[in-house]
């Protein structure tokens, strides 16, 4: 059953975010929260993450990832998405 407070956000990280362990470190950060979704490299050199959970948990994940990789991230674009209740984990996809 979906809680009304659950949200979904697409986050695009740009900068030197491929080849630096970004996806694996981000996955480890996200696993510390009640967040589902995925993270993957994009052909344009960016990394896309879809994060689902409470507003507080999703924002905390984004903040922690940005803090950890601050020297590598040039920009972050965040867009709301439709919540997908079928996602039960946070995974790296290819």
PDB file of N, CA and C in Angstrom:
ATOM      1  N   UNK A   1       0.831  -1.188   0.000  1.00  0.00           N
ATOM      2  CA  UNK A   1       0.000   0.000   0.000  1.00  0.00           C
ATOM      3  C   UNK A   1       0.872   1.247   0.000  1.00  0.00           C
ATOM      4  N   UNK A   2       0.666   2.120  -0.922  1.00  0.00           N
ATOM      5  CA  UNK A   2       1.450   3.339  -1.053  1.00  0.00           C
ATOM      6  C   UNK A   2       1.036   4.361   0.003  1.00  0.00           C
ATOM      7  N   UNK A   3       2.026   4.885   0.705  1.00  0.00           N
ATOM      8  CA  UNK A   3       1.753   5.966   1.646  1.00  0.00           C
ATOM      9  C   UNK A   3       1.625   7.267   0.871  1.00  0.00           C
ATOM     10  N   UNK A   4       0.714   8.087   1.275  1.00  0.00           N
ATOM     11  CA  UNK A   4       0.490   9.345   0.561  1.00  0.00           C
ATOM     12  C   UNK A   4       1.715  10.254   0.584  1.00  0.00           C
ATOM     13  N   UNK A   5       2.607  10.055   1.555  1.00  0.00           N
ATOM     14  CA  UNK A   5       3.767  10.927   1.656  1.00  0.00           C
ATOM     15  C   UNK A   5       4.917  10.500   0.752  1.00  0.00           C
ATOM     16  N   UNK A   6       4.773   9.367   0.036  1.00  0.00           N
ATOM     17  CA  UNK A   6       5.854   8.927  -0.840  1.00  0.00           C
ATOM     18  C   UNK A   6       5.869   9.729  -2.135  1.00  0.00           C
ATOM     19  N   UNK A   7       7.072  10.085  -2.552  1.00  0.00           N
ATOM     20  CA  UNK A   7       7.266  10.857  -3.768  1.00  0.00           C
ATOM     21  C   UNK A   7       8.304  10.166  -4.633  1.00  0.00           C
ATOM     22  N   UNK A   8       8.437  10.612  -5.856  1.00  0.00           N
ATOM     23  CA  UNK A   8       9.443  10.088  -6.775  1.00  0.00           C
ATOM     24  C   UNK A   8      10.100  11.265  -7.493  1.00  0.00           C
ATOM     25  N   UNK A   9      11.444  11.235  -7.563  1.00  0.00           N
ATOM     26  CA  UNK A   9      12.167  12.297  -8.252  1.00  0.00           C
ATOM     27  C   UNK A   9      13.227  11.706  -9.160  1.00  0.00           C
ATOM     28  N   UNK A  10      13.338  12.300 -10.339  1.00  0.00           N
ATOM     29  CA  UNK A  10      14.439  11.991 -11.236  1.00  0.00           C
ATOM     30  C   UNK A  10      15.519  13.042 -10.994  1.00  0.00           C
ATOM     31  N   UNK A  11      16.748  12.564 -10.803  1.00  0.00           N
ATOM     32  CA  UNK A  11      17.866  13.460 -10.542  1.00  0.00           C
ATOM     33  C   UNK A  11      18.940  13.193 -11.588  1.00  0.00           C
ATOM     34  N   UNK A  12      19.345  14.238 -12.311  1.00  0.00           N
ATOM     35  CA  UNK A  12      20.413  14.131 -13.295  1.00  0.00           C
ATOM     36  C   UNK A  12      21.632  14.865 -12.739  1.00  0.00           C
ATOM     37  N   UNK A  13      22.711  14.096 -12.532  1.00  0.00           N
ATOM     38  CA  UNK A  13      23.975  14.659 -12.054  1.00  0.00           C
ATOM     39  C   UNK A  13      24.893  14.829 -13.260  1.00  0.00           C
ATOM     40  N   UNK A  14      25.435  16.040 -13.439  1.00  0.00           N
ATOM     41  CA  UNK A  14      26.368  16.312 -14.530  1.00  0.00           C
ATOM     42  C   UNK A  14      27.698  16.770 -13.955  1.00  0.00           C
ATOM     43  N   UNK A  15      28.734  16.496 -14.699  1.00  0.00           N
ATOM     44  CA  UNK A  15      30.089  16.840 -14.285  1.00  0.00           C
ATOM     45  C   UNK A  15      30.984  15.637 -14.530  1.00  0.00           C
ATOM     46  N   UNK A  16      31.994  15.451 -13.683  1.00  0.00           N
ATOM     47  CA  UNK A  16      32.879  14.276 -13.787  1.00  0.00           C
ATOM     48  C   UNK A  16      32.280  13.195 -12.895  1.00  0.00           C
ATOM     49  N   UNK A  17      31.179  12.584 -13.374  1.00  0.00           N
ATOM     50  CA  UNK A  17      30.404  11.656 -12.538  1.00  0.00           C
ATOM     51  C   UNK A  17      30.428  10.218 -13.050  1.00  0.00           C
ATOM     52  N   UNK A  18      31.153   9.964 -14.128  1.00  0.00           N
ATOM     53  CA  UNK A  18      31.326   8.588 -14.596  1.00  0.00           C
ATOM     54  C   UNK A  18      32.792   8.212 -14.435  1.00  0.00           C
ATOM     55  N   UNK A  19      33.042   6.954 -14.038  1.00  0.00           N
ATOM     56  CA  UNK A  19      34.412   6.481 -13.867  1.00  0.00           C
ATOM     57  C   UNK A  19      35.032   6.846 -12.536  1.00  0.00           C
ATOM     58  N   UNK A  20      34.207   7.287 -11.580  1.00  0.00           N
ATOM     59  CA  UNK A  20      34.724   7.681 -10.259  1.00  0.00           C
ATOM     60  C   UNK A  20      34.023   6.933  -9.130  1.00  0.00           C
ATOM     61  N   UNK A  21      33.314   5.848  -9.459  1.00  0.00           N
ATOM     62  CA  UNK A  21      32.581   5.087  -8.448  1.00  0.00           C
ATOM     63  C   UNK A  21      31.300   5.745  -8.001  1.00  0.00           C
ATOM     64  N   UNK A  22      30.782   6.657  -8.818  1.00  0.00           N
ATOM     65  CA  UNK A  22      29.608   7.445  -8.442  1.00  0.00           C
ATOM     66  C   UNK A  22      28.397   6.571  -8.162  1.00  0.00           C
ATOM     67  N   UNK A  23      28.049   5.675  -9.104  1.00  0.00           N
ATOM     68  CA  UNK A  23      26.836   4.866  -8.938  1.00  0.00           C
ATOM     69  C   UNK A  23      26.926   3.946  -7.723  1.00  0.00           C
ATOM     70  N   UNK A  24      28.078   3.334  -7.521  1.00  0.00           N
ATOM     71  CA  UNK A  24      28.223   2.384  -6.412  1.00  0.00           C
ATOM     72  C   UNK A  24      28.198   3.105  -5.061  1.00  0.00           C
ATOM     73  N   UNK A  25      28.870   4.245  -4.993  1.00  0.00           N
ATOM     74  CA  UNK A  25      28.850   5.020  -3.751  1.00  0.00           C
ATOM     75  C   UNK A  25      27.459   5.573  -3.494  1.00  0.00           C
ATOM     76  N   UNK A  26      26.797   6.072  -4.532  1.00  0.00           N
ATOM     77  CA  UNK A  26      25.434   6.588  -4.370  1.00  0.00           C
ATOM     78  C   UNK A  26      24.504   5.478  -3.897  1.00  0.00           C
ATOM     79  N   UNK A  27      24.646   4.287  -4.470  1.00  0.00           N
ATOM     80  CA  UNK A  27      23.801   3.163  -4.040  1.00  0.00           C
ATOM     81  C   UNK A  27      24.016   2.877  -2.553  1.00  0.00           C
ATOM     82  N   UNK A  28      25.254   2.907  -2.106  1.00  0.00           N
ATOM     83  CA  UNK A  28      25.525   2.671  -0.683  1.00  0.00           C
ATOM     84  C   UNK A  28      24.930   3.766   0.198  1.00  0.00           C
ATOM     85  N   UNK A  29      24.980   5.000  -0.262  1.00  0.00           N
ATOM     86  CA  UNK A  29      24.366   6.106   0.481  1.00  0.00           C
ATOM     87  C   UNK A  29      22.858   5.892   0.563  1.00  0.00           C
ATOM     88  N   UNK A  30      22.230   5.613  -0.580  1.00  0.00           N
ATOM     89  CA  UNK A  30      20.775   5.469  -0.634  1.00  0.00           C
ATOM     90  C   UNK A  30      20.297   4.309   0.230  1.00  0.00           C
ATOM     91  N   UNK A  31      21.072   3.251   0.297  1.00  0.00           N
ATOM     92  CA  UNK A  31      20.662   2.086   1.093  1.00  0.00           C
ATOM     93  C   UNK A  31      20.579   2.387   2.590  1.00  0.00           C
ATOM     94  N   UNK A  32      21.080   3.525   3.020  1.00  0.00           N
ATOM     95  CA  UNK A  32      20.943   3.948   4.399  1.00  0.00           C
ATOM     96  C   UNK A  32      19.596   4.600   4.696  1.00  0.00           C
ATOM     97  N   UNK A  33      18.758   4.687   3.681  1.00  0.00           N
ATOM     98  CA  UNK A  33      17.444   5.326   3.799  1.00  0.00           C
ATOM     99  C   UNK A  33      16.367   4.376   3.280  1.00  0.00           C
ATOM    100  N   UNK A  34      15.118   4.677   3.549  1.00  0.00           N
ATOM    101  CA  UNK A  34      14.000   3.898   3.012  1.00  0.00           C
ATOM    102  C   UNK A  34      13.621   4.473   1.654  1.00  0.00           C
ATOM    103  N   UNK A  35      14.497   4.226   0.679  1.00  0.00           N
ATOM    104  CA  UNK A  35      14.335   4.780  -0.659  1.00  0.00           C
ATOM    105  C   UNK A  35      14.494   3.659  -1.678  1.00  0.00           C
ATOM    106  N   UNK A  36      13.666   3.675  -2.721  1.00  0.00           N
ATOM    107  CA  UNK A  36      13.760   2.717  -3.811  1.00  0.00           C
ATOM    108  C   UNK A  36      14.050   3.467  -5.104  1.00  0.00           C
ATOM    109  N   UNK A  37      14.333   2.702  -6.166  1.00  0.00           N
ATOM    110  CA  UNK A  37      14.577   3.300  -7.465  1.00  0.00           C
ATOM    111  C   UNK A  37      15.801   2.717  -8.122  1.00  0.00           C
ATOM    112  N   UNK A  38      16.503   3.553  -8.883  1.00  0.00           N
ATOM    113  CA  UNK A  38      17.682   3.071  -9.595  1.00  0.00           C
ATOM    114  C   UNK A  38      18.623   4.221  -9.907  1.00  0.00           C
ATOM    115  N   UNK A  39      19.835   3.847 -10.320  1.00  0.00           N
ATOM    116  CA  UNK A  39      20.827   4.815 -10.780  1.00  0.00           C
ATOM    117  C   UNK A  39      21.530   4.201 -11.979  1.00  0.00           C
ATOM    118  N   UNK A  40      21.815   5.030 -12.997  1.00  0.00           N
ATOM    119  CA  UNK A  40      22.483   4.510 -14.187  1.00  0.00           C
ATOM    120  C   UNK A  40      23.237   5.623 -14.913  1.00  0.00           C
ATOM    121  N   UNK A  41      24.280   5.212 -15.646  1.00  0.00           N
ATOM    122  CA  UNK A  41      25.003   6.134 -16.510  1.00  0.00           C
ATOM    123  C   UNK A  41      24.164   6.454 -17.730  1.00  0.00           C
ATOM    124  N   UNK A  42      24.333   7.668 -18.233  1.00  0.00           N
ATOM    125  CA  UNK A  42      23.679   8.091 -19.465  1.00  0.00           C
ATOM    126  C   UNK A  42      24.738   8.257 -20.561  1.00  0.00           C
ATOM    127  N   UNK A  43      24.323   8.128 -21.801  1.00  0.00           N
ATOM    128  CA  UNK A  43      25.250   8.229 -22.929  1.00  0.00           C
ATOM    129  C   UNK A  43      25.940   9.592 -23.021  1.00  0.00           C
ATOM    130  N   UNK A  44      25.318  10.638 -22.487  1.00  0.00           N
ATOM    131  CA  UNK A  44      25.904  11.981 -22.566  1.00  0.00           C
ATOM    132  C   UNK A  44      26.925  12.267 -21.469  1.00  0.00           C
ATOM    133  N   UNK A  45      27.260  11.251 -20.645  1.00  0.00           N
ATOM    134  CA  UNK A  45      28.247  11.424 -19.576  1.00  0.00           C
ATOM    135  C   UNK A  45      27.643  11.777 -18.233  1.00  0.00           C
ATOM    136  N   UNK A  46      26.340  11.973 -18.177  1.00  0.00           N
ATOM    137  CA  UNK A  46      25.676  12.270 -16.903  1.00  0.00           C
ATOM    138  C   UNK A  46      25.275  10.963 -16.218  1.00  0.00           C
ATOM    139  N   UNK A  47      24.782  11.078 -15.003  1.00  0.00           N
ATOM    140  CA  UNK A  47      24.240   9.943 -14.259  1.00  0.00           C
ATOM    141  C   UNK A  47      22.813  10.292 -13.863  1.00  0.00           C
ATOM    142  N   UNK A  48      21.890   9.363 -14.146  1.00  0.00           N
ATOM    143  CA  UNK A  48      20.487   9.541 -13.792  1.00  0.00           C
ATOM    144  C   UNK A  48      20.173   8.677 -12.586  1.00  0.00           C
ATOM    145  N   UNK A  49      19.488   9.262 -11.606  1.00  0.00           N
ATOM    146  CA  UNK A  49      18.973   8.509 -10.467  1.00  0.00           C
ATOM    147  C   UNK A  49      17.484   8.779 -10.352  1.00  0.00           C
ATOM    148  N   UNK A  50      16.728   7.744 -10.060  1.00  0.00           N
ATOM    149  CA  UNK A  50      15.324   7.894  -9.710  1.00  0.00           C
ATOM    150  C   UNK A  50      15.203   7.442  -8.273  1.00  0.00           C
ATOM    151  N   UNK A  51      14.745   8.350  -7.422  1.00  0.00           N
ATOM    152  CA  UNK A  51      14.652   8.112  -5.985  1.00  0.00           C
ATOM    153  C   UNK A  51      13.202   8.205  -5.553  1.00  0.00           C
ATOM    154  N   UNK A  52      12.749   7.196  -4.819  1.00  0.00           N
ATOM    155  CA  UNK A  52      11.372   7.171  -4.327  1.00  0.00           C
ATOM    156  C   UNK A  52      11.357   6.899  -2.836  1.00  0.00           C
ATOM    157  N   UNK A  53      10.545   7.628  -2.135  1.00  0.00           N
ATOM    158  CA  UNK A  53      10.397   7.461  -0.694  1.00  0.00           C
ATOM    159  C   UNK A  53       9.728   8.704  -0.142  1.00  0.00           C
ATOM    160  N   UNK A  54       9.917   8.937   1.143  1.00  0.00           N
ATOM    161  CA  UNK A  54       9.364  10.166   1.709  1.00  0.00           C
ATOM    162  C   UNK A  54      10.175  11.350   1.200  1.00  0.00           C
ATOM    163  N   UNK A  55       9.563  12.501   1.191  1.00  0.00           N
ATOM    164  CA  UNK A  55      10.259  13.725   0.776  1.00  0.00           C
ATOM    165  C   UNK A  55      11.553  13.895   1.566  1.00  0.00           C
ATOM    166  N   UNK A  56      11.499  13.647   2.873  1.00  0.00           N
ATOM    167  CA  UNK A  56      12.677  13.824   3.732  1.00  0.00           C
ATOM    168  C   UNK A  56      13.796  12.856   3.352  1.00  0.00           C
ATOM    169  N   UNK A  57      13.469  11.582   3.145  1.00  0.00           N
ATOM    170  CA  UNK A  57      14.496  10.594   2.794  1.00  0.00           C
ATOM    171  C   UNK A  57      15.081  10.858   1.417  1.00  0.00           C
ATOM    172  N   UNK A  58      14.240  11.175   0.444  1.00  0.00           N
ATOM    173  CA  UNK A  58      14.729  11.452  -0.908  1.00  0.00           C
ATOM    174  C   UNK A  58      15.654  12.665  -0.886  1.00  0.00           C
ATOM    175  N   UNK A  59      15.254  13.724  -0.198  1.00  0.00           N
ATOM    176  CA  UNK A  59      16.088  14.930  -0.144  1.00  0.00           C
ATOM    177  C   UNK A  59      17.387  14.668   0.600  1.00  0.00           C
ATOM    178  N   UNK A  60      17.328  13.872   1.672  1.00  0.00           N
ATOM    179  CA  UNK A  60      18.545  13.545   2.421  1.00  0.00           C
ATOM    180  C   UNK A  60      19.529  12.778   1.540  1.00  0.00           C
ATOM    181  N   UNK A  61      19.024  11.854   0.713  1.00  0.00           N
ATOM    182  CA  UNK A  61      19.885  11.114  -0.219  1.00  0.00           C
ATOM    183  C   UNK A  61      20.554  12.058  -1.203  1.00  0.00           C
ATOM    184  N   UNK A  62      19.763  12.924  -1.804  1.00  0.00           N
ATOM    185  CA  UNK A  62      20.304  13.875  -2.776  1.00  0.00           C
ATOM    186  C   UNK A  62      21.370  14.745  -2.115  1.00  0.00           C
ATOM    187  N   UNK A  63      21.078  15.251  -0.936  1.00  0.00           N
ATOM    188  CA  UNK A  63      22.029  16.103  -0.220  1.00  0.00           C
ATOM    189  C   UNK A  63      23.320  15.365   0.095  1.00  0.00           C
ATOM    190  N   UNK A  64      23.209  14.120   0.559  1.00  0.00           N
ATOM    191  CA  UNK A  64      24.398  13.356   0.931  1.00  0.00           C
ATOM    192  C   UNK A  64      25.242  13.012  -0.302  1.00  0.00           C
ATOM    193  N   UNK A  65      24.600  12.661  -1.396  1.00  0.00           N
ATOM    194  CA  UNK A  65      25.331  12.380  -2.632  1.00  0.00           C
ATOM    195  C   UNK A  65      26.062  13.643  -3.109  1.00  0.00           C
ATOM    196  N   UNK A  66      25.367  14.775  -3.078  1.00  0.00           N
ATOM    197  CA  UNK A  66      25.982  16.037  -3.496  1.00  0.00           C
ATOM    198  C   UNK A  66      27.154  16.401  -2.588  1.00  0.00           C
ATOM    199  N   UNK A  67      27.011  16.177  -1.294  1.00  0.00           N
ATOM    200  CA  UNK A  67      28.089  16.499  -0.362  1.00  0.00           C
ATOM    201  C   UNK A  67      29.296  15.601  -0.619  1.00  0.00           C
ATOM    202  N   UNK A  68      29.061  14.304  -0.809  1.00  0.00           N
ATOM    203  CA  UNK A  68      30.147  13.356  -1.004  1.00  0.00           C
ATOM    204  C   UNK A  68      30.900  13.637  -2.310  1.00  0.00           C
ATOM    205  N   UNK A  69      30.176  13.938  -3.373  1.00  0.00           N
ATOM    206  CA  UNK A  69      30.773  14.131  -4.688  1.00  0.00           C
ATOM    207  C   UNK A  69      30.828  15.598  -5.101  1.00  0.00           C
ATOM    208  N   UNK A  70      30.827  16.496  -4.148  1.00  0.00           N
ATOM    209  CA  UNK A  70      30.784  17.928  -4.444  1.00  0.00           C
ATOM    210  C   UNK A  70      31.820  18.395  -5.447  1.00  0.00           C
ATOM    211  N   UNK A  71      33.026  17.838  -5.390  1.00  0.00           N
ATOM    212  CA  UNK A  71      34.079  18.248  -6.304  1.00  0.00           C
ATOM    213  C   UNK A  71      33.915  17.706  -7.711  1.00  0.00           C
ATOM    214  N   UNK A  72      33.031  16.745  -7.889  1.00  0.00           N
ATOM    215  CA  UNK A  72      32.832  16.107  -9.190  1.00  0.00           C
ATOM    216  C   UNK A  72      31.565  16.590  -9.907  1.00  0.00           C
ATOM    217  N   UNK A  73      30.590  17.060  -9.142  1.00  0.00           N
ATOM    218  CA  UNK A  73      29.297  17.450  -9.721  1.00  0.00           C
ATOM    219  C   UNK A  73      29.339  18.903 -10.164  1.00  0.00           C
ATOM    220  N   UNK A  74      28.954  19.134 -11.433  1.00  0.00           N
ATOM    221  CA  UNK A  74      28.871  20.493 -11.960  1.00  0.00           C
ATOM    222  C   UNK A  74      27.456  21.044 -11.835  1.00  0.00           C
ATOM    223  N   UNK A  75      26.451  20.169 -12.055  1.00  0.00           N
ATOM    224  CA  UNK A  75      25.067  20.614 -11.933  1.00  0.00           C
ATOM    225  C   UNK A  75      24.174  19.433 -11.590  1.00  0.00           C
ATOM    226  N   UNK A  76      23.035  19.752 -10.988  1.00  0.00           N
ATOM    227  CA  UNK A  76      22.039  18.748 -10.612  1.00  0.00           C
ATOM    228  C   UNK A  76      20.680  19.264 -11.060  1.00  0.00           C
ATOM    229  N   UNK A  77      19.964  18.455 -11.838  1.00  0.00           N
ATOM    230  CA  UNK A  77      18.597  18.800 -12.253  1.00  0.00           C
ATOM    231  C   UNK A  77      17.648  17.803 -11.608  1.00  0.00           C
ATOM    232  N   UNK A  78      16.637  18.294 -10.907  1.00  0.00           N
ATOM    233  CA  UNK A  78      15.679  17.448 -10.200  1.00  0.00           C
ATOM    234  C   UNK A  78      14.289  17.689 -10.766  1.00  0.00           C
ATOM    235  N   UNK A  79      13.626  16.591 -11.143  1.00  0.00           N
ATOM    236  CA  UNK A  79      12.274  16.669 -11.694  1.00  0.00           C
ATOM    237  C   UNK A  79      11.369  15.684 -10.968  1.00  0.00           C
ATOM    238  N   UNK A  80      10.121  16.071 -10.693  1.00  0.00           N
ATOM    239  CA  UNK A  80       9.184  15.122 -10.093  1.00  0.00           C
ATOM    240  C   UNK A  80       8.800  14.045 -11.101  1.00  0.00           C
ATOM    241  N   UNK A  81       8.506  12.865 -10.600  1.00  0.00           N
ATOM    242  CA  UNK A  81       8.054  11.749 -11.434  1.00  0.00           C
ATOM    243  C   UNK A  81       6.835  11.117 -10.775  1.00  0.00           C
ATOM    244  N   UNK A  82       6.169  10.260 -11.523  1.00  0.00           N
ATOM    245  CA  UNK A  82       5.053   9.500 -10.974  1.00  0.00           C
ATOM    246  C   UNK A  82       5.631   8.373 -10.120  1.00  0.00           C
ATOM    247  N   UNK A  83       5.115   8.224  -8.915  1.00  0.00           N
ATOM    248  CA  UNK A  83       5.566   7.181  -7.993  1.00  0.00           C
ATOM    249  C   UNK A  83       5.246   5.799  -8.569  1.00  0.00           C
ATOM    250  N   UNK A  84       6.222   4.890  -8.518  1.00  0.00           N
ATOM    251  CA  UNK A  84       6.028   3.526  -9.011  1.00  0.00           C
ATOM    252  C   UNK A  84       6.087   2.555  -7.827  1.00  0.00           C
ATOM    253  N   UNK A  85       4.954   2.044  -7.360  1.00  0.00           N
ATOM    254  CA  UNK A  85       4.935   1.169  -6.181  1.00  0.00           C
ATOM    255  C   UNK A  85       5.570  -0.200  -6.428  1.00  0.00           C
ATOM    256  N   UNK A  86       5.892  -0.532  -7.677  1.00  0.00           N
ATOM    257  CA  UNK A  86       6.489  -1.828  -7.980  1.00  0.00           C
ATOM    258  C   UNK A  86       7.977  -1.898  -7.654  1.00  0.00           C
ATOM    259  N   UNK A  87       8.627  -0.752  -7.473  1.00  0.00           N
ATOM    260  CA  UNK A  87      10.049  -0.760  -7.136  1.00  0.00           C
ATOM    261  C   UNK A  87      10.190  -1.018  -5.648  1.00  0.00           C
ATOM    262  N   UNK A  88      10.942  -2.054  -5.302  1.00  0.00           N
ATOM    263  CA  UNK A  88      11.089  -2.432  -3.896  1.00  0.00           C
ATOM    264  C   UNK A  88      12.518  -2.288  -3.391  1.00  0.00           C
ATOM    265  N   UNK A  89      13.452  -1.980  -4.285  1.00  0.00           N
ATOM    266  CA  UNK A  89      14.859  -1.829  -3.916  1.00  0.00           C
ATOM    267  C   UNK A  89      15.447  -0.639  -4.655  1.00  0.00           C
ATOM    268  N   UNK A  90      16.698  -0.324  -4.320  1.00  0.00           N
ATOM    269  CA  UNK A  90      17.443   0.669  -5.079  1.00  0.00           C
ATOM    270  C   UNK A  90      18.590  -0.061  -5.758  1.00  0.00           C
ATOM    271  N   UNK A  91      18.642   0.028  -7.098  1.00  0.00           N
ATOM    272  CA  UNK A  91      19.588  -0.789  -7.860  1.00  0.00           C
ATOM    273  C   UNK A  91      20.368   0.055  -8.853  1.00  0.00           C
ATOM    274  N   UNK A  92      21.529  -0.456  -9.232  1.00  0.00           N
ATOM    275  CA  UNK A  92      22.272   0.083 -10.348  1.00  0.00           C
ATOM    276  C   UNK A  92      21.764  -0.623 -11.590  1.00  0.00           C
ATOM    277  N   UNK A  93      21.359   0.138 -12.591  1.00  0.00           N
ATOM    278  CA  UNK A  93      20.925  -0.461 -13.855  1.00  0.00           C
ATOM    279  C   UNK A  93      21.881  -0.014 -14.954  1.00  0.00           C
ATOM    280  N   UNK A  94      21.839  -0.707 -16.047  1.00  0.00           N
ATOM    281  CA  UNK A  94      22.787  -0.429 -17.148  1.00  0.00           C
ATOM    282  C   UNK A  94      22.043  -0.215 -18.446  1.00  0.00           C
TER     283      UNK A  94
END
